[in-house]
Amino acid sequence: MSTIKVFNPAGEAAGDLTVADELLVLDRGAQAVKDTVVAIRNGMRAGTACTLSKGEVAGSNKKPWKQKGTGRARAGLRQSPVWRGGGVAFGPKPRDYSQKINRKVRQLAFTRALSDRIAEGQVLVVEKFDFEPKTKALVALLKKLGLERSVLLVTEQYEENVILASRNLQKIEAAKASEVDVYSLLLYRTIVATRAGFEALKARMAAPTKKEVSE
């Protein structure tokens, strides 16, 4: 049974929240997490890099000099990749880096990533975020919680005050529970969620199969 610290809106301790061990997945899914993170990061790549091959560089097909008799190395065209201003051999072209991850693999990866954070004690629950849409208000709350940076704020629904207060802080991000992915769970050192936000995250964890329950 894992325990999560709960705080009131003022940042004061307000008890603990327990998570059943049966809900956590800690013995499998490491490869699923790795594959999912790689796929997410590849999906972020623009894939717009483009270079010109020797056939695309402007210029005529006339030889720079005759084949023999000059004492110089043979040259066929000025667009050759070995020449300055020539084409690029095997250079990058626009491409799509996105990868497909099966639904069950994504589900297992999310469950494993969140289970690890809970087991490590890196998840905190605040009853609700009740502060003005000002950066200093959020900074004061995080300071009371003993946090300074690399924090993911999770709410059940979009809360404008949280978004406005966090957008000027580096390594602090606000996200809706349904949009939190595996990469975000691993990127930030601490996850601070409202009680409703945490329940939404927990609902996304894969339920154990009948075979696992019987064992």
N, C-alpha and C. Protein backbone atom coordinates (compact mmCIF):
# COMPACT_ATOMS: atom_id res chain seq x y z
N MET A 1 0.85 -1.18 0.00
CA MET A 1 0.00 0.00 0.00
C MET A 1 0.89 1.24 0.00
N SER A 2 0.73 2.08 -1.02
CA SER A 2 1.51 3.31 -1.13
C SER A 2 0.72 4.48 -0.56
N THR A 3 1.45 5.42 0.03
CA THR A 3 0.83 6.57 0.67
C THR A 3 1.24 7.85 -0.03
N ILE A 4 0.26 8.71 -0.29
CA ILE A 4 0.50 10.00 -0.94
C ILE A 4 0.11 11.10 0.04
N LYS A 5 0.98 12.08 0.17
CA LYS A 5 0.71 13.19 1.08
C LYS A 5 -0.34 14.12 0.49
N VAL A 6 -1.25 14.55 1.32
CA VAL A 6 -2.33 15.44 0.90
C VAL A 6 -2.18 16.78 1.62
N PHE A 7 -2.39 17.87 0.89
CA PHE A 7 -2.28 19.21 1.45
C PHE A 7 -3.55 20.00 1.15
N ASN A 8 -3.83 20.96 2.01
CA ASN A 8 -4.99 21.83 1.76
C ASN A 8 -4.58 22.95 0.80
N PRO A 9 -5.50 23.78 0.34
CA PRO A 9 -5.16 24.84 -0.63
C PRO A 9 -4.10 25.81 -0.14
N ALA A 10 -3.89 25.90 1.16
CA ALA A 10 -2.88 26.80 1.71
C ALA A 10 -1.50 26.17 1.76
N GLY A 11 -1.40 24.88 1.40
CA GLY A 11 -0.11 24.20 1.42
C GLY A 11 0.22 23.54 2.73
N GLU A 12 -0.77 23.38 3.60
CA GLU A 12 -0.56 22.74 4.89
C GLU A 12 -0.98 21.28 4.83
N ALA A 13 -0.27 20.43 5.56
CA ALA A 13 -0.56 19.00 5.56
C ALA A 13 -2.01 18.74 5.98
N ALA A 14 -2.66 17.85 5.24
CA ALA A 14 -4.07 17.56 5.52
C ALA A 14 -4.35 16.06 5.50
N GLY A 15 -3.32 15.26 5.78
CA GLY A 15 -3.54 13.81 5.84
C GLY A 15 -2.82 13.08 4.73
N ASP A 16 -3.22 11.84 4.55
CA ASP A 16 -2.61 10.97 3.55
C ASP A 16 -3.68 10.33 2.69
N LEU A 17 -3.24 9.91 1.51
CA LEU A 17 -4.12 9.20 0.58
C LEU A 17 -3.44 7.90 0.21
N THR A 18 -4.14 6.79 0.35
CA THR A 18 -3.54 5.49 0.09
C THR A 18 -3.93 4.98 -1.30
N VAL A 19 -2.99 4.29 -1.91
CA VAL A 19 -3.22 3.66 -3.21
C VAL A 19 -2.93 2.18 -3.07
N ALA A 20 -3.88 1.34 -3.42
CA ALA A 20 -3.73 -0.10 -3.27
C ALA A 20 -2.60 -0.62 -4.15
N ASP A 21 -1.83 -1.56 -3.63
CA ASP A 21 -0.73 -2.14 -4.39
C ASP A 21 -1.22 -2.86 -5.64
N GLU A 22 -2.46 -3.36 -5.59
CA GLU A 22 -2.98 -4.08 -6.75
C GLU A 22 -3.14 -3.17 -7.97
N LEU A 23 -3.22 -1.86 -7.72
CA LEU A 23 -3.41 -0.92 -8.81
C LEU A 23 -2.08 -0.54 -9.46
N LEU A 24 -0.99 -0.71 -8.74
CA LEU A 24 0.32 -0.33 -9.27
C LEU A 24 0.93 -1.46 -10.07
N VAL A 25 1.66 -1.09 -11.11
CA VAL A 25 2.38 -2.06 -11.94
C VAL A 25 3.85 -1.68 -11.90
N LEU A 26 4.65 -2.48 -11.17
CA LEU A 26 6.06 -2.18 -10.98
C LEU A 26 6.98 -3.29 -11.48
N ASP A 27 6.40 -4.42 -11.89
CA ASP A 27 7.22 -5.57 -12.28
C ASP A 27 7.31 -5.77 -13.78
N ARG A 28 6.68 -4.91 -14.56
CA ARG A 28 6.72 -5.04 -16.02
C ARG A 28 6.39 -3.69 -16.64
N GLY A 29 6.62 -3.59 -17.93
CA GLY A 29 6.26 -2.36 -18.64
C GLY A 29 7.41 -1.41 -18.87
N ALA A 30 8.64 -1.76 -18.44
CA ALA A 30 9.77 -0.85 -18.65
C ALA A 30 10.04 -0.63 -20.14
N GLN A 31 9.96 -1.69 -20.92
CA GLN A 31 10.20 -1.55 -22.36
C GLN A 31 9.08 -0.76 -23.01
N ALA A 32 7.86 -0.93 -22.53
CA ALA A 32 6.73 -0.17 -23.06
C ALA A 32 6.92 1.32 -22.81
N VAL A 33 7.45 1.67 -21.63
CA VAL A 33 7.72 3.07 -21.31
C VAL A 33 8.77 3.63 -22.27
N LYS A 34 9.84 2.86 -22.48
CA LYS A 34 10.91 3.31 -23.37
C LYS A 34 10.39 3.51 -24.78
N ASP A 35 9.65 2.55 -25.31
CA ASP A 35 9.13 2.65 -26.67
C ASP A 35 8.17 3.83 -26.81
N THR A 36 7.35 4.06 -25.81
CA THR A 36 6.38 5.15 -25.87
C THR A 36 7.06 6.50 -25.82
N VAL A 37 8.07 6.65 -24.97
CA VAL A 37 8.80 7.92 -24.89
C VAL A 37 9.52 8.21 -26.21
N VAL A 38 10.13 7.19 -26.79
CA VAL A 38 10.81 7.37 -28.08
C VAL A 38 9.81 7.81 -29.15
N ALA A 39 8.63 7.18 -29.15
CA ALA A 39 7.61 7.54 -30.13
C ALA A 39 7.12 8.98 -29.92
N ILE A 40 6.94 9.39 -28.68
CA ILE A 40 6.47 10.75 -28.38
C ILE A 40 7.51 11.77 -28.83
N ARG A 41 8.78 11.50 -28.51
CA ARG A 41 9.84 12.44 -28.88
C ARG A 41 10.03 12.50 -30.40
N ASN A 42 9.89 11.38 -31.06
CA ASN A 42 9.98 11.38 -32.52
C ASN A 42 8.83 12.16 -33.14
N GLY A 43 7.66 12.07 -32.50
CA GLY A 43 6.53 12.83 -33.00
C GLY A 43 6.71 14.33 -32.87
N MET A 44 7.60 14.75 -31.97
CA MET A 44 7.86 16.18 -31.80
C MET A 44 8.78 16.73 -32.89
N ARG A 45 9.46 15.86 -33.60
CA ARG A 45 10.42 16.32 -34.60
C ARG A 45 9.68 16.90 -35.80
N ALA A 46 10.16 18.03 -36.29
CA ALA A 46 9.49 18.70 -37.41
C ALA A 46 9.68 17.92 -38.70
N GLY A 47 10.85 17.35 -38.88
CA GLY A 47 11.12 16.59 -40.11
C GLY A 47 11.15 17.47 -41.35
N THR A 48 11.54 18.72 -41.22
CA THR A 48 11.53 19.65 -42.36
C THR A 48 12.92 19.90 -42.94
N ALA A 49 13.96 19.25 -42.39
CA ALA A 49 15.31 19.45 -42.92
C ALA A 49 15.37 19.01 -44.37
N CYS A 50 15.97 19.82 -45.21
CA CYS A 50 16.01 19.51 -46.64
C CYS A 50 17.29 20.05 -47.25
N THR A 51 17.99 19.22 -48.01
CA THR A 51 19.19 19.62 -48.73
C THR A 51 19.02 19.30 -50.22
N LEU A 52 19.83 19.93 -51.05
CA LEU A 52 19.76 19.72 -52.50
C LEU A 52 20.78 18.67 -52.92
N SER A 53 20.33 17.74 -53.72
CA SER A 53 21.26 16.77 -54.30
C SER A 53 21.94 17.42 -55.50
N LYS A 54 22.91 16.75 -56.08
CA LYS A 54 23.64 17.35 -57.20
C LYS A 54 22.73 17.58 -58.41
N GLY A 55 21.66 16.81 -58.51
CA GLY A 55 20.73 17.00 -59.62
C GLY A 55 19.79 18.16 -59.43
N GLU A 56 19.72 18.71 -58.18
CA GLU A 56 18.82 19.81 -57.88
C GLU A 56 19.52 21.16 -57.77
N VAL A 57 20.85 21.15 -57.74
CA VAL A 57 21.61 22.39 -57.66
C VAL A 57 21.61 23.07 -59.03
N ALA A 58 21.36 24.38 -59.05
CA ALA A 58 21.32 25.12 -60.31
C ALA A 58 22.68 25.12 -60.99
N GLY A 59 22.67 25.01 -62.28
CA GLY A 59 23.92 25.02 -63.05
C GLY A 59 23.78 24.18 -64.30
N SER A 60 24.72 24.37 -65.24
CA SER A 60 24.69 23.62 -66.48
C SER A 60 25.40 22.28 -66.32
N ASN A 61 25.28 21.44 -67.32
CA ASN A 61 25.94 20.15 -67.31
C ASN A 61 27.30 20.19 -68.02
N LYS A 62 27.77 21.38 -68.29
CA LYS A 62 29.04 21.51 -69.00
C LYS A 62 30.19 21.14 -68.07
N LYS A 63 31.16 20.41 -68.64
CA LYS A 63 32.33 20.03 -67.84
C LYS A 63 33.16 21.28 -67.53
N PRO A 64 33.68 21.37 -66.31
CA PRO A 64 34.50 22.55 -65.97
C PRO A 64 35.74 22.68 -66.85
N TRP A 65 36.34 21.57 -67.23
CA TRP A 65 37.47 21.55 -68.17
C TRP A 65 37.48 20.22 -68.88
N LYS A 66 38.28 20.11 -69.87
CA LYS A 66 38.28 18.88 -70.68
C LYS A 66 38.82 17.72 -69.86
N GLN A 67 38.49 16.54 -70.32
CA GLN A 67 38.78 15.33 -69.55
C GLN A 67 40.28 15.10 -69.38
N LYS A 68 41.05 15.32 -70.40
CA LYS A 68 42.48 14.97 -70.36
C LYS A 68 43.33 16.16 -70.80
N GLY A 69 44.58 16.08 -70.45
CA GLY A 69 45.54 17.04 -70.95
C GLY A 69 45.78 18.26 -70.08
N THR A 70 45.03 18.43 -69.00
CA THR A 70 45.22 19.63 -68.17
C THR A 70 46.09 19.35 -66.95
N GLY A 71 46.27 18.09 -66.65
CA GLY A 71 47.03 17.74 -65.45
C GLY A 71 46.20 17.79 -64.18
N ARG A 72 44.96 18.13 -64.31
CA ARG A 72 44.09 18.21 -63.14
C ARG A 72 43.21 16.96 -63.05
N ALA A 73 42.63 16.77 -61.91
CA ALA A 73 41.74 15.62 -61.73
C ALA A 73 40.51 15.77 -62.61
N ARG A 74 39.96 14.65 -63.00
CA ARG A 74 38.76 14.67 -63.84
C ARG A 74 37.58 15.28 -63.08
N ALA A 75 36.80 16.05 -63.76
CA ALA A 75 35.60 16.67 -63.17
C ALA A 75 34.48 16.62 -64.18
N GLY A 76 33.33 16.16 -63.73
CA GLY A 76 32.20 16.02 -64.65
C GLY A 76 31.27 17.21 -64.64
N LEU A 77 30.98 17.77 -63.45
CA LEU A 77 30.07 18.91 -63.37
C LEU A 77 30.34 19.67 -62.08
N ARG A 78 29.97 20.93 -62.08
CA ARG A 78 30.25 21.79 -60.93
C ARG A 78 29.31 21.51 -59.75
N GLN A 79 28.25 20.77 -60.00
CA GLN A 79 27.32 20.46 -58.91
C GLN A 79 27.74 19.24 -58.09
N SER A 80 28.93 18.74 -58.33
CA SER A 80 29.40 17.56 -57.62
C SER A 80 29.46 17.79 -56.11
N PRO A 81 29.09 16.80 -55.29
CA PRO A 81 29.12 16.97 -53.83
C PRO A 81 30.51 17.25 -53.27
N VAL A 82 31.57 16.93 -54.02
CA VAL A 82 32.92 17.16 -53.50
C VAL A 82 33.36 18.61 -53.71
N TRP A 83 32.55 19.39 -54.39
CA TRP A 83 32.89 20.78 -54.65
C TRP A 83 32.10 21.69 -53.73
N ARG A 84 32.70 22.82 -53.38
CA ARG A 84 32.00 23.82 -52.61
C ARG A 84 30.87 24.41 -53.46
N GLY A 85 29.68 24.50 -52.88
CA GLY A 85 28.53 24.98 -53.62
C GLY A 85 27.81 23.89 -54.39
N GLY A 86 28.34 22.67 -54.29
CA GLY A 86 27.69 21.55 -54.98
C GLY A 86 26.57 20.95 -54.15
N GLY A 87 26.02 19.85 -54.64
CA GLY A 87 24.94 19.18 -53.93
C GLY A 87 25.44 18.45 -52.70
N VAL A 88 24.50 17.90 -51.94
CA VAL A 88 24.83 17.15 -50.73
C VAL A 88 24.53 15.68 -50.99
N ALA A 89 25.52 14.84 -50.72
CA ALA A 89 25.33 13.40 -50.93
C ALA A 89 24.59 12.78 -49.75
N PHE A 90 23.49 12.12 -50.02
CA PHE A 90 22.69 11.44 -49.01
C PHE A 90 22.25 12.39 -47.90
N GLY A 91 21.93 13.63 -48.26
CA GLY A 91 21.48 14.61 -47.28
C GLY A 91 20.04 14.36 -46.85
N PRO A 92 19.61 15.04 -45.77
CA PRO A 92 18.24 14.84 -45.27
C PRO A 92 17.19 15.44 -46.21
N LYS A 93 16.04 14.80 -46.21
CA LYS A 93 14.88 15.27 -46.96
C LYS A 93 13.68 15.30 -46.02
N PRO A 94 12.66 16.10 -46.30
CA PRO A 94 11.48 16.13 -45.42
C PRO A 94 10.90 14.73 -45.23
N ARG A 95 10.60 14.41 -43.99
CA ARG A 95 10.06 13.08 -43.69
C ARG A 95 9.23 13.14 -42.42
N ASP A 96 8.44 12.12 -42.22
CA ASP A 96 7.59 12.01 -41.05
C ASP A 96 8.24 11.03 -40.07
N TYR A 97 8.56 11.51 -38.87
CA TYR A 97 9.24 10.67 -37.88
C TYR A 97 8.26 9.97 -36.93
N SER A 98 6.99 10.21 -37.08
CA SER A 98 6.02 9.65 -36.13
C SER A 98 6.03 8.13 -36.17
N GLN A 99 5.76 7.54 -34.99
CA GLN A 99 5.71 6.10 -34.86
C GLN A 99 4.37 5.69 -34.24
N LYS A 100 3.92 4.53 -34.60
CA LYS A 100 2.66 4.01 -34.07
C LYS A 100 2.94 3.13 -32.86
N ILE A 101 2.22 3.40 -31.79
CA ILE A 101 2.31 2.58 -30.58
C ILE A 101 0.94 1.98 -30.32
N ASN A 102 0.89 0.69 -30.14
CA ASN A 102 -0.38 0.02 -29.90
C ASN A 102 -1.04 0.53 -28.62
N ARG A 103 -2.36 0.48 -28.60
CA ARG A 103 -3.12 1.02 -27.47
C ARG A 103 -2.74 0.34 -26.15
N LYS A 104 -2.61 -0.98 -26.17
CA LYS A 104 -2.28 -1.69 -24.94
C LYS A 104 -0.87 -1.36 -24.45
N VAL A 105 0.04 -1.12 -25.38
CA VAL A 105 1.40 -0.74 -24.99
C VAL A 105 1.39 0.65 -24.36
N ARG A 106 0.63 1.58 -24.95
CA ARG A 106 0.51 2.93 -24.38
C ARG A 106 -0.11 2.87 -22.98
N GLN A 107 -1.12 2.04 -22.84
CA GLN A 107 -1.79 1.91 -21.55
C GLN A 107 -0.85 1.37 -20.48
N LEU A 108 -0.10 0.32 -20.85
CA LEU A 108 0.86 -0.27 -19.91
C LEU A 108 1.95 0.72 -19.55
N ALA A 109 2.43 1.48 -20.55
CA ALA A 109 3.49 2.46 -20.31
C ALA A 109 3.02 3.54 -19.34
N PHE A 110 1.80 4.02 -19.52
CA PHE A 110 1.27 5.06 -18.63
C PHE A 110 1.13 4.52 -17.21
N THR A 111 0.61 3.32 -17.09
CA THR A 111 0.42 2.72 -15.77
C THR A 111 1.75 2.52 -15.06
N ARG A 112 2.75 2.02 -15.80
CA ARG A 112 4.06 1.80 -15.19
C ARG A 112 4.71 3.11 -14.78
N ALA A 113 4.64 4.13 -15.65
CA ALA A 113 5.26 5.41 -15.34
C ALA A 113 4.63 6.06 -14.11
N LEU A 114 3.30 6.07 -14.04
CA LEU A 114 2.62 6.65 -12.89
C LEU A 114 2.84 5.83 -11.64
N SER A 115 2.90 4.51 -11.78
CA SER A 115 3.15 3.65 -10.62
C SER A 115 4.52 3.93 -10.04
N ASP A 116 5.52 4.12 -10.90
CA ASP A 116 6.87 4.42 -10.42
C ASP A 116 6.90 5.74 -9.65
N ARG A 117 6.22 6.75 -10.17
CA ARG A 117 6.22 8.05 -9.49
C ARG A 117 5.53 7.98 -8.14
N ILE A 118 4.44 7.21 -8.07
CA ILE A 118 3.73 7.04 -6.80
C ILE A 118 4.61 6.29 -5.80
N ALA A 119 5.25 5.21 -6.27
CA ALA A 119 6.09 4.41 -5.38
C ALA A 119 7.30 5.19 -4.89
N GLU A 120 7.79 6.12 -5.70
CA GLU A 120 8.95 6.94 -5.33
C GLU A 120 8.58 8.11 -4.43
N GLY A 121 7.29 8.32 -4.21
CA GLY A 121 6.85 9.43 -3.38
C GLY A 121 6.94 10.77 -4.07
N GLN A 122 6.90 10.77 -5.38
CA GLN A 122 7.02 12.00 -6.15
C GLN A 122 5.67 12.55 -6.61
N VAL A 123 4.59 12.07 -6.02
CA VAL A 123 3.25 12.57 -6.34
C VAL A 123 2.65 13.17 -5.07
N LEU A 124 2.20 14.42 -5.17
CA LEU A 124 1.54 15.11 -4.06
C LEU A 124 0.13 15.50 -4.49
N VAL A 125 -0.76 15.53 -3.54
CA VAL A 125 -2.15 15.89 -3.82
C VAL A 125 -2.53 17.13 -3.02
N VAL A 126 -3.08 18.12 -3.71
CA VAL A 126 -3.62 19.32 -3.07
C VAL A 126 -5.14 19.28 -3.27
N GLU A 127 -5.88 19.53 -2.20
CA GLU A 127 -7.33 19.43 -2.31
C GLU A 127 -7.86 20.19 -3.52
N LYS A 128 -7.39 21.40 -3.71
CA LYS A 128 -7.72 22.19 -4.89
C LYS A 128 -6.77 23.38 -4.95
N PHE A 129 -6.59 23.90 -6.15
CA PHE A 129 -5.77 25.10 -6.32
C PHE A 129 -6.67 26.32 -6.15
N ASP A 130 -6.42 27.05 -5.09
CA ASP A 130 -7.25 28.22 -4.78
C ASP A 130 -6.35 29.43 -4.57
N PHE A 131 -5.89 30.01 -5.68
CA PHE A 131 -5.05 31.20 -5.59
C PHE A 131 -5.34 32.10 -6.78
N GLU A 132 -4.89 33.34 -6.67
CA GLU A 132 -5.10 34.30 -7.75
C GLU A 132 -4.23 33.93 -8.95
N PRO A 133 -4.61 34.38 -10.13
CA PRO A 133 -3.82 34.05 -11.33
C PRO A 133 -2.53 34.87 -11.39
N LYS A 134 -1.71 34.73 -10.36
CA LYS A 134 -0.45 35.46 -10.29
C LYS A 134 0.69 34.49 -10.00
N THR A 135 1.82 34.75 -10.63
CA THR A 135 2.96 33.87 -10.48
C THR A 135 3.42 33.76 -9.03
N LYS A 136 3.43 34.89 -8.33
CA LYS A 136 3.93 34.88 -6.95
C LYS A 136 3.04 34.03 -6.03
N ALA A 137 1.76 33.93 -6.35
CA ALA A 137 0.87 33.10 -5.55
C ALA A 137 1.21 31.62 -5.71
N LEU A 138 1.49 31.23 -6.94
CA LEU A 138 1.87 29.83 -7.19
C LEU A 138 3.24 29.54 -6.59
N VAL A 139 4.17 30.47 -6.72
CA VAL A 139 5.50 30.28 -6.15
C VAL A 139 5.42 30.10 -4.64
N ALA A 140 4.56 30.88 -3.99
CA ALA A 140 4.39 30.77 -2.54
C ALA A 140 3.85 29.39 -2.15
N LEU A 141 2.90 28.88 -2.92
CA LEU A 141 2.35 27.56 -2.63
C LEU A 141 3.40 26.47 -2.81
N LEU A 142 4.15 26.54 -3.91
CA LEU A 142 5.19 25.53 -4.15
C LEU A 142 6.27 25.58 -3.07
N LYS A 143 6.57 26.78 -2.60
CA LYS A 143 7.57 26.91 -1.55
C LYS A 143 7.11 26.24 -0.26
N LYS A 144 5.83 26.37 0.06
CA LYS A 144 5.30 25.70 1.24
C LYS A 144 5.34 24.19 1.08
N LEU A 145 5.20 23.73 -0.15
CA LEU A 145 5.24 22.29 -0.41
C LEU A 145 6.68 21.77 -0.49
N GLY A 146 7.64 22.69 -0.43
CA GLY A 146 9.05 22.29 -0.51
C GLY A 146 9.51 22.05 -1.92
N LEU A 147 8.84 22.68 -2.89
CA LEU A 147 9.17 22.49 -4.30
C LEU A 147 9.59 23.83 -4.91
N GLU A 148 10.52 23.78 -5.83
CA GLU A 148 10.98 25.01 -6.48
C GLU A 148 10.89 24.94 -7.99
N ARG A 149 11.16 23.80 -8.57
CA ARG A 149 11.15 23.70 -10.03
C ARG A 149 10.86 22.27 -10.45
N SER A 150 10.71 22.08 -11.75
CA SER A 150 10.42 20.79 -12.35
C SER A 150 9.18 20.17 -11.72
N VAL A 151 8.06 20.87 -11.87
CA VAL A 151 6.80 20.43 -11.28
C VAL A 151 5.72 20.38 -12.36
N LEU A 152 4.97 19.32 -12.36
CA LEU A 152 3.82 19.18 -13.26
C LEU A 152 2.55 19.35 -12.44
N LEU A 153 1.77 20.38 -12.77
CA LEU A 153 0.52 20.64 -12.08
C LEU A 153 -0.62 19.99 -12.86
N VAL A 154 -1.37 19.14 -12.21
CA VAL A 154 -2.41 18.38 -12.89
C VAL A 154 -3.77 18.72 -12.29
N THR A 155 -4.69 19.08 -13.16
CA THR A 155 -6.07 19.36 -12.75
C THR A 155 -7.02 18.51 -13.59
N GLU A 156 -8.22 18.33 -13.07
CA GLU A 156 -9.19 17.51 -13.82
C GLU A 156 -9.62 18.23 -15.09
N GLN A 157 -9.90 19.52 -14.99
CA GLN A 157 -10.26 20.34 -16.13
C GLN A 157 -9.32 21.54 -16.18
N TYR A 158 -9.33 22.22 -17.32
CA TYR A 158 -8.49 23.41 -17.44
C TYR A 158 -8.91 24.45 -16.40
N GLU A 159 -7.91 24.97 -15.69
CA GLU A 159 -8.16 26.03 -14.72
C GLU A 159 -7.31 27.23 -15.14
N GLU A 160 -7.99 28.28 -15.55
CA GLU A 160 -7.30 29.45 -16.09
C GLU A 160 -6.31 30.05 -15.11
N ASN A 161 -6.68 30.10 -13.83
CA ASN A 161 -5.79 30.67 -12.82
C ASN A 161 -4.47 29.92 -12.75
N VAL A 162 -4.54 28.60 -12.84
CA VAL A 162 -3.32 27.78 -12.77
C VAL A 162 -2.46 27.99 -14.00
N ILE A 163 -3.10 28.05 -15.16
CA ILE A 163 -2.35 28.26 -16.41
C ILE A 163 -1.67 29.62 -16.42
N LEU A 164 -2.40 30.66 -16.03
CA LEU A 164 -1.84 32.00 -16.03
C LEU A 164 -0.71 32.14 -15.01
N ALA A 165 -0.84 31.49 -13.86
CA ALA A 165 0.17 31.62 -12.81
C ALA A 165 1.44 30.85 -13.13
N SER A 166 1.34 29.81 -13.95
CA SER A 166 2.49 28.93 -14.19
C SER A 166 3.23 29.21 -15.49
N ARG A 167 2.62 29.97 -16.39
CA ARG A 167 3.21 30.10 -17.71
C ARG A 167 4.51 30.90 -17.75
N ASN A 168 4.78 31.69 -16.71
CA ASN A 168 6.02 32.47 -16.68
C ASN A 168 7.13 31.77 -15.90
N LEU A 169 6.87 30.59 -15.39
CA LEU A 169 7.85 29.85 -14.60
C LEU A 169 8.50 28.77 -15.45
N GLN A 170 9.82 28.70 -15.37
CA GLN A 170 10.53 27.67 -16.10
C GLN A 170 10.36 26.33 -15.41
N LYS A 171 10.22 25.29 -16.22
CA LYS A 171 10.10 23.92 -15.73
C LYS A 171 8.89 23.72 -14.83
N ILE A 172 7.89 24.56 -15.00
CA ILE A 172 6.60 24.38 -14.31
C ILE A 172 5.53 24.35 -15.40
N GLU A 173 4.75 23.30 -15.43
CA GLU A 173 3.74 23.17 -16.48
C GLU A 173 2.41 22.74 -15.87
N ALA A 174 1.34 23.30 -16.38
CA ALA A 174 -0.01 22.91 -15.97
C ALA A 174 -0.64 22.07 -17.08
N ALA A 175 -1.29 20.99 -16.71
CA ALA A 175 -1.86 20.10 -17.71
C ALA A 175 -3.16 19.50 -17.21
N LYS A 176 -4.02 19.19 -18.13
CA LYS A 176 -5.27 18.51 -17.84
C LYS A 176 -4.98 17.01 -17.68
N ALA A 177 -5.62 16.38 -16.72
CA ALA A 177 -5.31 14.98 -16.40
C ALA A 177 -5.45 14.06 -17.61
N SER A 178 -6.44 14.31 -18.43
CA SER A 178 -6.68 13.45 -19.59
C SER A 178 -5.63 13.62 -20.68
N GLU A 179 -4.81 14.68 -20.59
CA GLU A 179 -3.81 14.95 -21.62
C GLU A 179 -2.38 14.69 -21.14
N VAL A 180 -2.22 14.25 -19.91
CA VAL A 180 -0.89 13.92 -19.40
C VAL A 180 -0.41 12.64 -20.06
N ASP A 181 0.80 12.66 -20.59
CA ASP A 181 1.33 11.48 -21.26
C ASP A 181 2.53 10.93 -20.48
N VAL A 182 3.07 9.83 -20.98
CA VAL A 182 4.18 9.15 -20.31
C VAL A 182 5.40 10.06 -20.23
N TYR A 183 5.67 10.79 -21.30
CA TYR A 183 6.84 11.67 -21.32
C TYR A 183 6.75 12.74 -20.25
N SER A 184 5.57 13.31 -20.05
CA SER A 184 5.39 14.34 -19.02
C SER A 184 5.57 13.75 -17.62
N LEU A 185 5.11 12.54 -17.42
CA LEU A 185 5.26 11.90 -16.11
C LEU A 185 6.72 11.70 -15.75
N LEU A 186 7.56 11.45 -16.75
CA LEU A 186 8.98 11.21 -16.50
C LEU A 186 9.81 12.48 -16.55
N LEU A 187 9.32 13.49 -17.28
CA LEU A 187 10.11 14.71 -17.49
C LEU A 187 10.19 15.56 -16.23
N TYR A 188 9.10 15.63 -15.47
CA TYR A 188 9.06 16.50 -14.30
C TYR A 188 9.37 15.71 -13.03
N ARG A 189 10.10 16.36 -12.14
CA ARG A 189 10.57 15.69 -10.92
C ARG A 189 9.42 15.38 -9.98
N THR A 190 8.45 16.27 -9.89
CA THR A 190 7.34 16.08 -8.95
C THR A 190 6.02 16.37 -9.65
N ILE A 191 5.02 15.59 -9.31
CA ILE A 191 3.68 15.79 -9.84
C ILE A 191 2.78 16.27 -8.71
N VAL A 192 2.19 17.43 -8.89
CA VAL A 192 1.27 17.99 -7.90
C VAL A 192 -0.11 18.04 -8.55
N ALA A 193 -1.02 17.27 -8.02
CA ALA A 193 -2.35 17.16 -8.62
C ALA A 193 -3.43 17.55 -7.61
N THR A 194 -4.50 18.08 -8.12
CA THR A 194 -5.66 18.27 -7.26
C THR A 194 -6.24 16.90 -6.97
N ARG A 195 -7.09 16.82 -5.96
CA ARG A 195 -7.67 15.51 -5.64
C ARG A 195 -8.46 14.97 -6.84
N ALA A 196 -9.24 15.84 -7.48
CA ALA A 196 -9.99 15.40 -8.66
C ALA A 196 -9.06 15.04 -9.80
N GLY A 197 -7.97 15.79 -9.94
CA GLY A 197 -7.01 15.49 -11.00
C GLY A 197 -6.32 14.17 -10.78
N PHE A 198 -5.98 13.87 -9.52
CA PHE A 198 -5.34 12.60 -9.23
C PHE A 198 -6.29 11.43 -9.46
N GLU A 199 -7.54 11.60 -9.09
CA GLU A 199 -8.51 10.53 -9.34
C GLU A 199 -8.66 10.28 -10.84
N ALA A 200 -8.57 11.35 -11.64
CA ALA A 200 -8.65 11.19 -13.10
C ALA A 200 -7.42 10.46 -13.62
N LEU A 201 -6.25 10.76 -13.06
CA LEU A 201 -5.04 10.04 -13.46
C LEU A 201 -5.13 8.56 -13.07
N LYS A 202 -5.61 8.32 -11.86
CA LYS A 202 -5.71 6.93 -11.38
C LYS A 202 -6.70 6.13 -12.21
N ALA A 203 -7.74 6.81 -12.69
CA ALA A 203 -8.73 6.12 -13.52
C ALA A 203 -8.15 5.69 -14.86
N ARG A 204 -7.08 6.37 -15.29
CA ARG A 204 -6.45 6.02 -16.57
C ARG A 204 -5.50 4.85 -16.45
N MET A 205 -5.18 4.44 -15.24
CA MET A 205 -4.28 3.31 -15.05
C MET A 205 -4.99 2.02 -15.44
N ALA A 206 -4.23 1.10 -16.02
CA ALA A 206 -4.83 -0.15 -16.49
C ALA A 206 -5.29 -0.99 -15.32
N ALA A 207 -6.52 -1.46 -15.40
CA ALA A 207 -7.04 -2.35 -14.35
C ALA A 207 -6.41 -3.73 -14.51
N PRO A 208 -6.09 -4.41 -13.39
CA PRO A 208 -5.50 -5.76 -13.48
C PRO A 208 -6.47 -6.75 -14.10
N THR A 209 -5.94 -7.72 -14.82
CA THR A 209 -6.78 -8.72 -15.47
C THR A 209 -7.28 -9.71 -14.42
N LYS A 210 -8.29 -10.53 -14.80
CA LYS A 210 -8.83 -11.53 -13.89
C LYS A 210 -7.75 -12.53 -13.47
N LYS A 211 -6.84 -12.85 -14.40
CA LYS A 211 -5.79 -13.81 -14.09
C LYS A 211 -4.85 -13.24 -13.03
N GLU A 212 -4.51 -11.95 -13.15
CA GLU A 212 -3.60 -11.32 -12.19
C GLU A 212 -4.26 -11.22 -10.83
N VAL A 213 -5.56 -10.94 -10.79
CA VAL A 213 -6.27 -10.84 -9.51
C VAL A 213 -6.31 -12.19 -8.80
N SER A 214 -6.55 -13.27 -9.57
CA SER A 214 -6.64 -14.61 -8.97
C SER A 214 -5.30 -15.08 -8.44
N GLU A 215 -4.20 -14.59 -9.06
CA GLU A 215 -2.87 -14.98 -8.61
C GLU A 215 -2.52 -14.24 -7.30
